Amino acid sequence: MSSAVSRIPAANCHIALEYFQELMTFETDCWDVHHALSNGRKDFVLLDVRSEDAFRQGHIQEAESLPHQWITETTISGYPATTLFIVYCAGPHCNATEKAAIRLAKLGRPVKKLIGGVTGWIDEGFSLVKEQSTSSS
């Protein structure tokens, strides 16, 4: 008797290999980004593509705020054309990452998404950086 898991057979190993290798060209995970940041091996730009307010409330260390709707040739013109952008948003329930990746790809820029976004980062036990408020109380 088969289960719902095995009822549909797994893909041929050659097809699976091709699929998973290709998938790695589109995304990276929180551990790999954290390791690169912690070991001085940051060879990418980490973009938080949520709102500026969400960024101020907590973001990944060394991330830059660039809400997805603001990604244009002008806003990224300061980066060399070969710059790899890693984009993230709130998490799997948010599609700002995909919107940002589409914009960057249309501009001819290398891009990967950070799997899990802020939710994934926190789930892995990593902390967020919070911006200091500049308003006086």
Foldseek 3Di string as FASTA:
>chain_A
DDDPVPPPPDDDPVVVVVVVVVLVQAADELVVVVVCVVPVNDQAAEEEQDDPVVVQAWAAPRHDYDHQVRDDCVVCVVDPQAHEYEYAYQFPVDCSQVSNVVRCVVVVHHYHYYHGGPNRNVVVVHGTDHHDDPDDD
